[in-house]
Amino acid sequence: MLPFETGTRYTRVAIALHWLIALLVVIQVGWGFWMLGIPKQPPGFRADAFNLHKSIGMTIFALMAIRLAWRAVHRPPALPPMATWQARLAHVNHGLLYAALLLQPLVGYLGSEVSGYPVKYFGVMLPSWAGKHPELKDFLSGVHLVIAWTIVVLVVLHLAGAIKHAVVDRDRLLARMGVGRA
């Protein structure tokens, strides 16, 4: 039997979604912090950078929704033996990461919707429904920034745990997500 059939690894779909979302999140965080430094005038390049950021964010939201739906009907493989506090920390970190990766695009979309600028998804104009609300836009921008830093911290914790399991524990935990042998 293949590792995917024995329950020692996530399904191929779950693995593909994990790595695709991880790649997009790394790109999105880097792009998001970089684009803040783009001058507001002339507006063309900055608007294009923000629209790409919005499009990637909405894509991450859709992929996370698919991932949650997939996870709801496909149980994850069991964790290898480890201290209870480590297993709890892993579950809490994953839960917070899932929540942040769903909340962040929603906050970004709502902030864009109330900014007075059109929201585009890879060039396709989405219907506007909220109107311009500068105070709400500023608040949502602040929330968006806090969630961005939260995602950075959660990803660093996730990576630190993965490195610990690969280098210190050597317990093949990473094989569950397609890295190495199960």
Protein backbone atom coordinates (compact mmCIF):
# COMPACT_ATOMS: atom_id res chain seq x y z
CA MET A 1 0.00 0.00 0.00
CA LEU A 2 1.07 3.57 -0.67
CA PRO A 3 1.64 5.91 2.30
CA PHE A 4 -1.43 7.88 1.15
CA GLU A 5 -3.54 4.74 1.60
CA THR A 6 -2.21 3.77 5.04
CA GLY A 7 -3.05 7.01 6.81
CA THR A 8 0.57 7.97 7.46
CA ARG A 9 0.37 10.97 5.08
CA TYR A 10 -2.14 13.60 4.18
CA THR A 11 -3.97 12.99 0.91
CA ARG A 12 -2.37 14.24 -2.29
CA VAL A 13 -5.01 16.95 -2.55
CA ALA A 14 -4.30 18.14 1.00
CA ILE A 15 -0.55 18.15 0.32
CA ALA A 16 -0.98 20.07 -2.94
CA LEU A 17 -3.24 22.63 -1.26
CA HIS A 18 -0.81 23.02 1.66
CA TRP A 19 2.20 23.73 -0.54
CA LEU A 20 0.30 25.95 -3.00
CA ILE A 21 -1.15 28.04 -0.19
CA ALA A 22 2.26 28.18 1.55
CA LEU A 23 3.89 29.46 -1.64
CA LEU A 24 1.16 32.05 -2.21
CA VAL A 25 1.33 33.23 1.42
CA VAL A 26 5.11 33.74 1.22
CA ILE A 27 4.69 35.68 -2.04
CA GLN A 28 1.72 37.62 -0.65
CA VAL A 29 3.43 38.69 2.57
CA GLY A 30 6.58 39.79 0.75
CA TRP A 31 4.59 41.57 -1.96
CA GLY A 32 2.31 43.22 0.60
CA PHE A 33 5.13 44.74 2.64
CA TRP A 34 7.04 45.71 -0.52
CA MET A 35 4.11 47.48 -2.16
CA LEU A 36 3.60 49.75 0.86
CA GLY A 37 6.77 51.56 -0.23
CA ILE A 38 5.51 52.33 -3.75
CA PRO A 39 4.92 56.08 -4.17
CA LYS A 40 1.26 57.07 -4.48
CA GLN A 41 2.02 59.24 -7.50
CA PRO A 42 1.76 58.39 -10.29
CA PRO A 43 -1.02 55.99 -9.27
CA GLY A 44 -0.83 53.42 -12.10
CA PHE A 45 1.97 51.16 -10.87
CA ARG A 46 0.81 51.29 -7.25
CA ALA A 47 -2.78 50.47 -8.26
CA ASP A 48 -1.57 47.51 -10.33
CA ALA A 49 0.52 46.22 -7.41
CA PHE A 50 -2.43 46.51 -5.00
CA ASN A 51 -4.81 44.85 -7.46
CA LEU A 52 -2.45 41.90 -7.86
CA HIS A 53 -2.19 41.67 -4.05
CA LYS A 54 -6.00 41.67 -3.77
CA SER A 55 -6.31 38.98 -6.45
CA ILE A 56 -3.78 36.71 -4.77
CA GLY A 57 -5.49 37.29 -1.42
CA MET A 58 -8.89 36.30 -2.80
CA THR A 59 -7.29 33.23 -4.37
CA ILE A 60 -5.79 32.25 -1.00
CA PHE A 61 -9.24 32.64 0.56
CA ALA A 62 -10.80 30.34 -2.07
CA LEU A 63 -8.02 27.76 -1.67
CA MET A 64 -8.38 27.87 2.13
CA ALA A 65 -12.14 27.32 1.80
CA ILE A 66 -11.44 24.30 -0.43
CA ARG A 67 -8.82 23.08 2.03
CA LEU A 68 -11.25 23.31 4.95
CA ALA A 69 -13.95 21.50 2.99
CA TRP A 70 -11.45 18.78 2.05
CA ARG A 71 -10.22 18.50 5.62
CA ALA A 72 -13.79 18.15 6.88
CA VAL A 73 -14.18 14.86 5.01
CA HIS A 74 -10.56 13.58 5.08
CA ARG A 75 -9.03 12.94 8.48
CA PRO A 76 -5.41 13.95 8.96
CA PRO A 77 -2.86 11.27 9.74
CA ALA A 78 -2.05 10.66 13.39
CA LEU A 79 0.77 12.62 14.96
CA PRO A 80 3.87 10.66 15.89
CA PRO A 81 4.45 10.16 19.63
CA MET A 82 5.27 13.49 21.28
CA ALA A 83 4.70 15.44 24.46
CA THR A 84 1.08 16.48 25.02
CA TRP A 85 2.03 20.16 25.15
CA GLN A 86 3.71 19.88 21.74
CA ALA A 87 0.64 18.28 20.18
CA ARG A 88 -1.59 20.95 21.72
CA LEU A 89 0.70 23.74 20.57
CA ALA A 90 0.67 22.30 17.04
CA HIS A 91 -3.14 22.13 17.01
CA VAL A 92 -3.49 25.67 18.37
CA ASN A 93 -0.95 27.03 15.86
CA HIS A 94 -2.71 25.28 12.97
CA GLY A 95 -6.12 26.53 14.12
CA LEU A 96 -4.88 30.10 14.43
CA LEU A 97 -3.11 29.90 11.08
CA TYR A 98 -6.26 28.61 9.36
CA ALA A 99 -8.33 31.38 10.99
CA ALA A 100 -5.82 34.09 10.06
CA LEU A 101 -5.55 32.86 6.46
CA LEU A 102 -9.34 33.03 6.13
CA LEU A 103 -9.81 36.29 8.01
CA GLN A 104 -6.98 38.21 6.32
CA PRO A 105 -8.43 38.15 2.78
CA LEU A 106 -11.88 39.03 4.14
CA VAL A 107 -10.53 42.05 6.01
CA GLY A 108 -8.49 43.04 2.96
CA TYR A 109 -11.51 42.73 0.68
CA LEU A 110 -13.73 44.74 3.03
CA GLY A 111 -11.03 47.40 3.39
CA SER A 112 -10.75 47.62 -0.38
CA GLU A 113 -14.50 47.77 -0.77
CA VAL A 114 -14.78 50.79 1.55
CA SER A 115 -11.66 52.51 0.13
CA GLY A 116 -13.49 54.10 -2.78
CA TYR A 117 -11.28 52.27 -5.29
CA PRO A 118 -12.63 49.44 -7.42
CA VAL A 119 -11.90 45.88 -6.40
CA LYS A 120 -10.57 43.80 -9.28
CA TYR A 121 -9.89 40.08 -9.44
CA PHE A 122 -7.08 39.60 -11.97
CA GLY A 123 -8.42 42.54 -13.99
CA VAL A 124 -12.13 41.72 -13.67
CA MET A 125 -14.00 44.52 -11.89
CA LEU A 126 -16.11 43.22 -9.03
CA PRO A 127 -19.41 44.93 -8.19
CA SER A 128 -19.07 47.69 -5.62
CA TRP A 129 -21.61 47.61 -2.82
CA ALA A 130 -20.29 49.54 0.19
CA GLY A 131 -19.28 53.02 -0.89
CA LYS A 132 -16.40 55.06 0.46
CA HIS A 133 -15.86 55.09 4.25
CA PRO A 134 -12.38 56.50 5.07
CA GLU A 135 -12.52 55.86 8.84
CA LEU A 136 -13.58 52.24 8.37
CA LYS A 137 -10.95 51.82 5.65
CA ASP A 138 -8.23 53.08 8.03
CA PHE A 139 -9.43 50.74 10.79
CA LEU A 140 -9.52 47.74 8.45
CA SER A 141 -6.04 48.61 7.12
CA GLY A 142 -4.74 48.50 10.70
CA VAL A 143 -6.44 45.15 11.32
CA HIS A 144 -5.02 43.84 8.03
CA LEU A 145 -1.50 44.80 9.13
CA VAL A 146 -1.92 43.15 12.54
CA ILE A 147 -3.17 39.95 10.93
CA ALA A 148 -0.25 40.05 8.46
CA TRP A 149 2.25 40.12 11.32
CA THR A 150 0.25 37.42 13.12
CA ILE A 151 0.53 35.21 10.03
CA VAL A 152 4.29 35.84 9.92
CA VAL A 153 4.65 34.79 13.58
CA LEU A 154 2.44 31.71 13.12
CA VAL A 155 4.36 30.63 10.01
CA VAL A 156 7.68 31.05 11.84
CA LEU A 157 6.35 28.88 14.70
CA HIS A 158 5.11 26.33 12.16
CA LEU A 159 8.51 26.24 10.47
CA ALA A 160 10.34 26.04 13.80
CA GLY A 161 8.24 23.03 14.76
CA ALA A 162 8.87 21.39 11.39
CA ILE A 163 12.63 21.95 11.70
CA LYS A 164 12.62 20.59 15.26
CA HIS A 165 10.86 17.42 14.11
CA ALA A 166 13.17 17.01 11.11
CA VAL A 167 16.50 17.81 12.75
CA VAL A 168 16.14 17.10 16.49
CA ASP A 169 13.40 14.47 16.78
CA ARG A 170 13.89 12.85 13.36
CA ASP A 171 10.39 11.43 13.74
CA ARG A 172 9.39 11.67 10.06
CA LEU A 173 6.61 14.11 10.90
CA LEU A 174 7.33 16.03 7.68
CA ALA A 175 6.64 12.90 5.63
CA ARG A 176 2.96 13.42 6.49
CA MET A 177 3.09 16.50 4.24
CA GLY A 178 5.05 14.83 1.46
CA VAL A 179 8.60 15.65 2.62
CA GLY A 180 10.71 12.50 2.89
CA ARG A 181 9.67 8.91 3.44
CA ALA A 182 6.84 7.90 5.71
